Amino acid sequence: MQTTREPGWQSNWTNEELEEFEKYSLKTEDGELVALGAYEILQKKVCVHIVYIESQPESNPTMTQEKKYNGIGRLLIAFGIKLSIDNGCGGDVTFQAKTPELAKHYADDFGAFPVSTYGGVAPWYALSRESEKEIFMTYLEEE
């Protein structure tokens, strides 16, 4: 798998813990792996939970100062919104802020707000309807 070769990714995407989730990849037209995302459709909570997203090492802000690609996290959140719409969850997504820096990033850059811990260690965040619409509309083309 491409995530186990150099340059190494932060996470092992062959990990059994991620097997139960829907996983998607983002590649360039040339086949370069740019990002990976793991999503969970929570029908009882009527949302899609973004379990984990990761940018390739050359674009991962925790691994490099100058990113090769920008906006990967935003794109993967927009994809989560699309999954939510496609699965009857109205575009609602949640995600966890595993560090205080991520919590600040989610709040400042995406308009996220804390909703609960749902029994987990890291707090869960959601997006307002306005934020969901703004993020999702970024990737729609006008005809």
N, C-alpha and C. Protein backbone atom coordinates (compact mmCIF):
# COMPACT_ATOMS: atom_id res chain seq x y z
N MET A 1 0.84 -1.18 0.00
CA MET A 1 0.00 0.00 0.00
C MET A 1 0.89 1.25 0.00
N GLN A 2 0.42 2.30 -0.66
CA GLN A 2 1.21 3.51 -0.82
C GLN A 2 1.52 4.20 0.50
N THR A 3 0.73 4.01 1.53
CA THR A 3 0.96 4.71 2.80
C THR A 3 2.09 4.09 3.60
N THR A 4 2.55 2.93 3.22
CA THR A 4 3.64 2.28 3.97
C THR A 4 5.00 2.50 3.32
N ARG A 5 5.00 3.12 2.14
CA ARG A 5 6.26 3.43 1.45
C ARG A 5 6.71 4.84 1.78
N GLU A 6 7.97 5.14 1.52
CA GLU A 6 8.50 6.49 1.74
C GLU A 6 7.93 7.44 0.69
N PRO A 7 7.63 8.67 1.04
CA PRO A 7 7.66 9.19 2.40
C PRO A 7 6.49 8.63 3.21
N GLY A 8 6.75 8.24 4.43
CA GLY A 8 5.76 7.59 5.27
C GLY A 8 4.64 8.51 5.72
N TRP A 9 3.45 7.94 5.79
CA TRP A 9 2.28 8.65 6.29
C TRP A 9 2.26 8.56 7.80
N GLN A 10 1.47 9.40 8.45
CA GLN A 10 1.37 9.37 9.91
C GLN A 10 0.70 8.10 10.40
N SER A 11 -0.26 7.60 9.63
CA SER A 11 -1.07 6.48 10.10
C SER A 11 -0.91 5.26 9.22
N ASN A 12 -1.13 4.13 9.81
CA ASN A 12 -1.14 2.87 9.08
C ASN A 12 -2.57 2.61 8.62
N TRP A 13 -2.84 2.85 7.36
CA TRP A 13 -4.20 2.71 6.83
C TRP A 13 -4.59 1.26 6.59
N THR A 14 -3.70 0.33 6.87
CA THR A 14 -4.06 -1.09 6.81
C THR A 14 -4.45 -1.59 8.19
N ASN A 15 -4.47 -0.71 9.17
CA ASN A 15 -4.81 -1.01 10.56
C ASN A 15 -6.22 -1.61 10.66
N GLU A 16 -6.36 -2.66 11.45
CA GLU A 16 -7.65 -3.33 11.62
C GLU A 16 -8.70 -2.41 12.22
N GLU A 17 -8.30 -1.41 13.00
CA GLU A 17 -9.26 -0.48 13.62
C GLU A 17 -10.04 0.31 12.58
N LEU A 18 -9.49 0.50 11.40
CA LEU A 18 -10.17 1.26 10.36
C LEU A 18 -10.99 0.39 9.41
N GLU A 19 -10.92 -0.94 9.57
CA GLU A 19 -11.61 -1.85 8.66
C GLU A 19 -13.12 -1.67 8.63
N GLU A 20 -13.72 -1.32 9.75
CA GLU A 20 -15.18 -1.24 9.84
C GLU A 20 -15.76 0.03 9.21
N PHE A 21 -14.91 0.95 8.79
CA PHE A 21 -15.37 2.22 8.24
C PHE A 21 -15.24 2.25 6.73
N GLU A 22 -16.02 3.14 6.11
CA GLU A 22 -15.89 3.36 4.68
C GLU A 22 -14.66 4.22 4.46
N LYS A 23 -13.75 3.75 3.61
CA LYS A 23 -12.51 4.48 3.34
C LYS A 23 -12.49 4.94 1.89
N TYR A 24 -12.01 6.15 1.70
CA TYR A 24 -11.93 6.74 0.36
C TYR A 24 -10.55 7.37 0.20
N SER A 25 -10.10 7.41 -1.05
CA SER A 25 -8.82 8.04 -1.34
C SER A 25 -9.03 9.16 -2.36
N LEU A 26 -8.12 10.11 -2.32
CA LEU A 26 -8.11 11.21 -3.27
C LEU A 26 -6.79 11.13 -4.02
N LYS A 27 -6.89 11.04 -5.34
CA LYS A 27 -5.68 10.95 -6.17
C LYS A 27 -5.73 12.02 -7.25
N THR A 28 -4.54 12.41 -7.70
CA THR A 28 -4.45 13.32 -8.83
C THR A 28 -4.76 12.55 -10.11
N GLU A 29 -4.87 13.28 -11.22
CA GLU A 29 -5.09 12.61 -12.51
C GLU A 29 -3.94 11.68 -12.86
N ASP A 30 -2.76 11.96 -12.33
CA ASP A 30 -1.58 11.12 -12.58
C ASP A 30 -1.51 9.92 -11.65
N GLY A 31 -2.46 9.79 -10.72
CA GLY A 31 -2.49 8.66 -9.81
C GLY A 31 -1.75 8.87 -8.50
N GLU A 32 -1.27 10.11 -8.25
CA GLU A 32 -0.59 10.38 -6.99
C GLU A 32 -1.61 10.38 -5.85
N LEU A 33 -1.35 9.63 -4.80
CA LEU A 33 -2.22 9.58 -3.64
C LEU A 33 -2.03 10.85 -2.82
N VAL A 34 -3.11 11.60 -2.66
CA VAL A 34 -3.05 12.90 -2.00
C VAL A 34 -3.65 12.86 -0.60
N ALA A 35 -4.71 12.06 -0.42
CA ALA A 35 -5.38 12.04 0.89
C ALA A 35 -6.19 10.76 1.05
N LEU A 36 -6.46 10.46 2.31
CA LEU A 36 -7.30 9.32 2.66
C LEU A 36 -8.30 9.76 3.72
N GLY A 37 -9.48 9.18 3.68
CA GLY A 37 -10.50 9.48 4.68
C GLY A 37 -11.26 8.23 5.07
N ALA A 38 -11.61 8.16 6.35
CA ALA A 38 -12.43 7.07 6.88
C ALA A 38 -13.70 7.70 7.45
N TYR A 39 -14.86 7.17 7.03
CA TYR A 39 -16.15 7.76 7.38
C TYR A 39 -17.07 6.68 7.95
N GLU A 40 -17.95 7.10 8.85
CA GLU A 40 -18.92 6.20 9.46
C GLU A 40 -20.30 6.83 9.33
N ILE A 41 -21.23 6.11 8.72
CA ILE A 41 -22.59 6.61 8.58
C ILE A 41 -23.35 6.22 9.84
N LEU A 42 -23.75 7.23 10.60
CA LEU A 42 -24.45 7.02 11.87
C LEU A 42 -25.93 7.31 11.68
N GLN A 43 -26.68 6.33 11.21
CA GLN A 43 -28.10 6.51 10.92
C GLN A 43 -28.88 6.92 12.17
N LYS A 44 -28.55 6.35 13.34
CA LYS A 44 -29.29 6.69 14.56
C LYS A 44 -29.05 8.13 14.99
N LYS A 45 -27.90 8.67 14.66
CA LYS A 45 -27.60 10.06 15.01
C LYS A 45 -27.84 10.98 13.81
N VAL A 46 -28.22 10.40 12.69
CA VAL A 46 -28.52 11.10 11.44
C VAL A 46 -27.37 12.02 11.03
N CYS A 47 -26.19 11.42 10.92
CA CYS A 47 -25.03 12.19 10.46
C CYS A 47 -23.97 11.21 9.95
N VAL A 48 -22.98 11.77 9.32
CA VAL A 48 -21.79 11.01 8.95
C VAL A 48 -20.67 11.49 9.86
N HIS A 49 -20.04 10.54 10.51
CA HIS A 49 -18.91 10.86 11.38
C HIS A 49 -17.62 10.67 10.58
N ILE A 50 -16.84 11.73 10.51
CA ILE A 50 -15.55 11.64 9.83
C ILE A 50 -14.57 11.09 10.86
N VAL A 51 -14.27 9.81 10.73
CA VAL A 51 -13.45 9.11 11.71
C VAL A 51 -12.02 9.59 11.66
N TYR A 52 -11.48 9.69 10.44
CA TYR A 52 -10.08 10.08 10.31
C TYR A 52 -9.82 10.55 8.89
N ILE A 53 -9.09 11.65 8.77
CA ILE A 53 -8.64 12.10 7.46
C ILE A 53 -7.15 12.43 7.56
N GLU A 54 -6.46 12.20 6.46
CA GLU A 54 -5.02 12.46 6.46
C GLU A 54 -4.56 12.89 5.08
N SER A 55 -3.73 13.91 5.05
CA SER A 55 -3.10 14.37 3.81
C SER A 55 -1.79 13.63 3.63
N GLN A 56 -1.37 13.53 2.38
CA GLN A 56 -0.08 12.92 2.08
C GLN A 56 1.03 13.69 2.78
N PRO A 57 2.15 13.05 3.08
CA PRO A 57 3.21 13.66 3.89
C PRO A 57 3.68 15.04 3.41
N GLU A 58 3.76 15.25 2.11
CA GLU A 58 4.24 16.54 1.60
C GLU A 58 3.22 17.66 1.75
N SER A 59 2.00 17.33 2.16
CA SER A 59 0.95 18.33 2.35
C SER A 59 0.40 18.32 3.76
N ASN A 60 0.88 17.42 4.59
CA ASN A 60 0.38 17.29 5.96
C ASN A 60 0.99 18.38 6.82
N PRO A 61 0.16 19.29 7.38
CA PRO A 61 0.70 20.42 8.13
C PRO A 61 1.46 20.02 9.40
N THR A 62 1.27 18.81 9.88
CA THR A 62 2.02 18.37 11.05
C THR A 62 3.37 17.77 10.66
N MET A 63 3.60 17.60 9.35
CA MET A 63 4.84 16.97 8.90
C MET A 63 5.71 17.89 8.04
N THR A 64 5.15 19.01 7.57
CA THR A 64 5.91 19.90 6.69
C THR A 64 5.45 21.34 6.87
N GLN A 65 6.35 22.28 6.63
CA GLN A 65 6.01 23.70 6.70
C GLN A 65 5.36 24.17 5.40
N GLU A 66 5.93 23.76 4.28
CA GLU A 66 5.40 24.16 2.98
C GLU A 66 4.65 23.00 2.37
N LYS A 67 3.35 23.19 2.17
CA LYS A 67 2.51 22.11 1.67
C LYS A 67 2.52 22.06 0.14
N LYS A 68 2.57 20.85 -0.38
CA LYS A 68 2.50 20.64 -1.82
C LYS A 68 1.08 20.95 -2.32
N TYR A 69 0.06 20.51 -1.57
CA TYR A 69 -1.34 20.76 -1.91
C TYR A 69 -2.01 21.44 -0.72
N ASN A 70 -2.89 22.39 -0.99
CA ASN A 70 -3.64 23.07 0.05
C ASN A 70 -5.12 22.69 -0.04
N GLY A 71 -5.82 22.78 1.09
CA GLY A 71 -7.26 22.58 1.10
C GLY A 71 -7.71 21.13 1.14
N ILE A 72 -6.81 20.22 1.45
CA ILE A 72 -7.18 18.80 1.45
C ILE A 72 -8.20 18.49 2.54
N GLY A 73 -7.99 19.01 3.74
CA GLY A 73 -8.94 18.76 4.83
C GLY A 73 -10.33 19.27 4.48
N ARG A 74 -10.40 20.45 3.92
CA ARG A 74 -11.69 21.05 3.52
C ARG A 74 -12.39 20.16 2.49
N LEU A 75 -11.62 19.67 1.52
CA LEU A 75 -12.19 18.80 0.50
C LEU A 75 -12.72 17.50 1.11
N LEU A 76 -11.99 16.91 2.05
CA LEU A 76 -12.44 15.67 2.67
C LEU A 76 -13.66 15.89 3.57
N ILE A 77 -13.77 17.07 4.16
CA ILE A 77 -14.98 17.41 4.91
C ILE A 77 -16.15 17.57 3.94
N ALA A 78 -15.92 18.24 2.81
CA ALA A 78 -16.97 18.38 1.80
C ALA A 78 -17.44 17.02 1.32
N PHE A 79 -16.52 16.07 1.17
CA PHE A 79 -16.91 14.72 0.76
C PHE A 79 -17.77 14.07 1.84
N GLY A 80 -17.44 14.29 3.11
CA GLY A 80 -18.26 13.78 4.21
C GLY A 80 -19.66 14.36 4.16
N ILE A 81 -19.78 15.65 3.82
CA ILE A 81 -21.09 16.29 3.67
C ILE A 81 -21.86 15.62 2.54
N LYS A 82 -21.18 15.33 1.42
CA LYS A 82 -21.84 14.64 0.31
C LYS A 82 -22.32 13.25 0.72
N LEU A 83 -21.48 12.51 1.44
CA LEU A 83 -21.89 11.20 1.94
C LEU A 83 -23.14 11.32 2.83
N SER A 84 -23.15 12.35 3.66
CA SER A 84 -24.28 12.58 4.54
C SER A 84 -25.55 12.85 3.74
N ILE A 85 -25.46 13.69 2.73
CA ILE A 85 -26.62 13.97 1.87
C ILE A 85 -27.08 12.70 1.18
N ASP A 86 -26.14 11.96 0.59
CA ASP A 86 -26.46 10.73 -0.14
C ASP A 86 -27.09 9.66 0.74
N ASN A 87 -26.83 9.71 2.04
CA ASN A 87 -27.36 8.69 2.96
C ASN A 87 -28.51 9.20 3.82
N GLY A 88 -29.14 10.28 3.38
CA GLY A 88 -30.33 10.78 4.06
C GLY A 88 -30.07 11.47 5.39
N CYS A 89 -28.86 11.96 5.59
CA CYS A 89 -28.51 12.61 6.86
C CYS A 89 -28.47 14.13 6.74
N GLY A 90 -28.96 14.67 5.64
CA GLY A 90 -29.11 16.11 5.49
C GLY A 90 -27.85 16.92 5.40
N GLY A 91 -26.71 16.29 5.19
CA GLY A 91 -25.46 17.03 5.09
C GLY A 91 -24.72 17.18 6.40
N ASP A 92 -25.28 16.65 7.48
CA ASP A 92 -24.64 16.79 8.79
C ASP A 92 -23.44 15.87 8.93
N VAL A 93 -22.34 16.43 9.43
CA VAL A 93 -21.13 15.67 9.70
C VAL A 93 -20.63 16.00 11.09
N THR A 94 -19.92 15.04 11.68
CA THR A 94 -19.23 15.26 12.94
C THR A 94 -17.80 14.77 12.79
N PHE A 95 -16.94 15.24 13.64
CA PHE A 95 -15.55 14.79 13.65
C PHE A 95 -14.99 15.07 15.03
N GLN A 96 -13.88 14.43 15.34
CA GLN A 96 -13.26 14.61 16.64
C GLN A 96 -12.02 15.48 16.54
N ALA A 97 -11.84 16.33 17.54
CA ALA A 97 -10.63 17.14 17.64
C ALA A 97 -9.70 16.43 18.61
N LYS A 98 -8.72 15.75 18.06
CA LYS A 98 -7.84 14.92 18.87
C LYS A 98 -6.77 15.73 19.60
N THR A 99 -6.61 17.01 19.23
CA THR A 99 -5.67 17.90 19.91
C THR A 99 -6.32 19.28 20.05
N PRO A 100 -5.86 20.10 21.00
CA PRO A 100 -6.38 21.47 21.10
C PRO A 100 -6.13 22.28 19.83
N GLU A 101 -5.02 22.00 19.14
CA GLU A 101 -4.72 22.71 17.90
C GLU A 101 -5.75 22.38 16.82
N LEU A 102 -6.13 21.10 16.74
CA LEU A 102 -7.17 20.72 15.77
C LEU A 102 -8.51 21.36 16.13
N ALA A 103 -8.85 21.41 17.41
CA ALA A 103 -10.10 22.03 17.83
C ALA A 103 -10.13 23.50 17.38
N LYS A 104 -9.03 24.19 17.58
CA LYS A 104 -8.94 25.60 17.17
C LYS A 104 -9.04 25.72 15.65
N HIS A 105 -8.35 24.85 14.93
CA HIS A 105 -8.40 24.84 13.46
C HIS A 105 -9.83 24.60 12.98
N TYR A 106 -10.51 23.61 13.54
CA TYR A 106 -11.88 23.31 13.12
C TYR A 106 -12.81 24.49 13.39
N ALA A 107 -12.66 25.12 14.54
CA ALA A 107 -13.51 26.26 14.88
C ALA A 107 -13.20 27.47 14.01
N ASP A 108 -11.92 27.81 13.90
CA ASP A 108 -11.52 29.01 13.16
C ASP A 108 -11.69 28.89 11.65
N ASP A 109 -11.32 27.74 11.09
CA ASP A 109 -11.29 27.61 9.63
C ASP A 109 -12.54 26.98 9.03
N PHE A 110 -13.31 26.25 9.83
CA PHE A 110 -14.49 25.58 9.29
C PHE A 110 -15.79 25.98 9.98
N GLY A 111 -15.72 26.80 11.03
CA GLY A 111 -16.93 27.20 11.75
C GLY A 111 -17.53 26.08 12.58
N ALA A 112 -16.71 25.14 13.03
CA ALA A 112 -17.20 24.00 13.81
C ALA A 112 -17.43 24.41 15.27
N PHE A 113 -18.29 23.66 15.92
CA PHE A 113 -18.56 23.89 17.34
C PHE A 113 -18.64 22.54 18.05
N PRO A 114 -18.28 22.52 19.36
CA PRO A 114 -18.31 21.25 20.09
C PRO A 114 -19.74 20.79 20.33
N VAL A 115 -19.96 19.47 20.20
CA VAL A 115 -21.31 18.94 20.43
C VAL A 115 -21.35 17.94 21.57
N SER A 116 -20.33 17.12 21.74
CA SER A 116 -20.34 16.09 22.78
C SER A 116 -19.06 15.29 22.70
N THR A 117 -18.89 14.38 23.65
CA THR A 117 -17.79 13.44 23.55
C THR A 117 -18.30 12.07 23.14
N TYR A 118 -19.60 11.83 23.20
CA TYR A 118 -20.20 10.53 22.86
C TYR A 118 -19.42 9.38 23.46
N GLY A 119 -18.93 9.58 24.68
CA GLY A 119 -18.23 8.51 25.36
C GLY A 119 -16.78 8.34 24.95
N GLY A 120 -16.33 9.13 23.99
CA GLY A 120 -14.94 9.02 23.56
C GLY A 120 -14.04 9.95 24.34
N VAL A 121 -12.77 9.89 24.04
CA VAL A 121 -11.79 10.72 24.73
C VAL A 121 -11.77 12.13 24.15
N ALA A 122 -11.71 12.24 22.85
CA ALA A 122 -11.62 13.55 22.19
C ALA A 122 -13.02 14.12 21.98
N PRO A 123 -13.18 15.44 22.14
CA PRO A 123 -14.50 16.04 21.92
C PRO A 123 -14.94 15.96 20.46
N TRP A 124 -16.25 15.82 20.26
CA TRP A 124 -16.82 15.78 18.92
C TRP A 124 -17.24 17.18 18.52
N TYR A 125 -17.07 17.47 17.24
CA TYR A 125 -17.45 18.76 16.69
C TYR A 125 -18.43 18.55 15.54
N ALA A 126 -19.23 19.57 15.28
CA ALA A 126 -20.15 19.56 14.15
C ALA A 126 -20.03 20.91 13.45
N LEU A 127 -20.66 21.00 12.30
CA LEU A 127 -20.68 22.24 11.53
C LEU A 127 -22.07 22.83 11.55
N SER A 128 -22.16 24.14 11.56
CA SER A 128 -23.46 24.80 11.42
C SER A 128 -23.96 24.57 9.99
N ARG A 129 -25.24 24.74 9.77
CA ARG A 129 -25.79 24.60 8.42
C ARG A 129 -25.10 25.56 7.45
N GLU A 130 -24.84 26.78 7.92
CA GLU A 130 -24.18 27.77 7.07
C GLU A 130 -22.78 27.31 6.67
N SER A 131 -22.04 26.75 7.65
CA SER A 131 -20.68 26.26 7.36
C SER A 131 -20.72 25.08 6.41
N GLU A 132 -21.66 24.15 6.64
CA GLU A 132 -21.79 22.99 5.74
C GLU A 132 -22.05 23.46 4.32
N LYS A 133 -22.98 24.39 4.18
CA LYS A 133 -23.34 24.87 2.85
C LYS A 133 -22.15 25.56 2.18
N GLU A 134 -21.45 26.41 2.93
CA GLU A 134 -20.31 27.15 2.38
C GLU A 134 -19.21 26.19 1.93
N ILE A 135 -18.89 25.20 2.76
CA ILE A 135 -17.85 24.23 2.41
C ILE A 135 -18.27 23.40 1.21
N PHE A 136 -19.50 22.90 1.22
CA PHE A 136 -19.99 22.05 0.13
C PHE A 136 -20.06 22.82 -1.18
N MET A 137 -20.54 24.06 -1.13
CA MET A 137 -20.71 24.86 -2.34
C MET A 137 -19.37 25.20 -2.99
N THR A 138 -18.29 25.17 -2.24
CA THR A 138 -16.95 25.44 -2.78
C THR A 138 -16.63 24.51 -3.95
N TYR A 139 -17.19 23.30 -3.92
CA TYR A 139 -16.82 22.29 -4.91
C TYR A 139 -17.88 22.04 -5.97
N LEU A 140 -18.93 22.85 -5.99
CA LEU A 140 -19.94 22.70 -7.02
C LEU A 140 -19.64 23.65 -8.17
N GLU A 141 -19.85 23.17 -9.36
CA GLU A 141 -19.62 24.01 -10.53
C GLU A 141 -20.93 24.59 -11.00
N GLU A 142 -20.88 25.84 -11.42
CA GLU A 142 -22.06 26.47 -12.00
C GLU A 142 -22.10 26.14 -13.48
N GLU A 143 -23.31 25.94 -13.98
CA GLU A 143 -23.45 25.65 -15.41
C GLU A 143 -23.83 26.88 -16.16
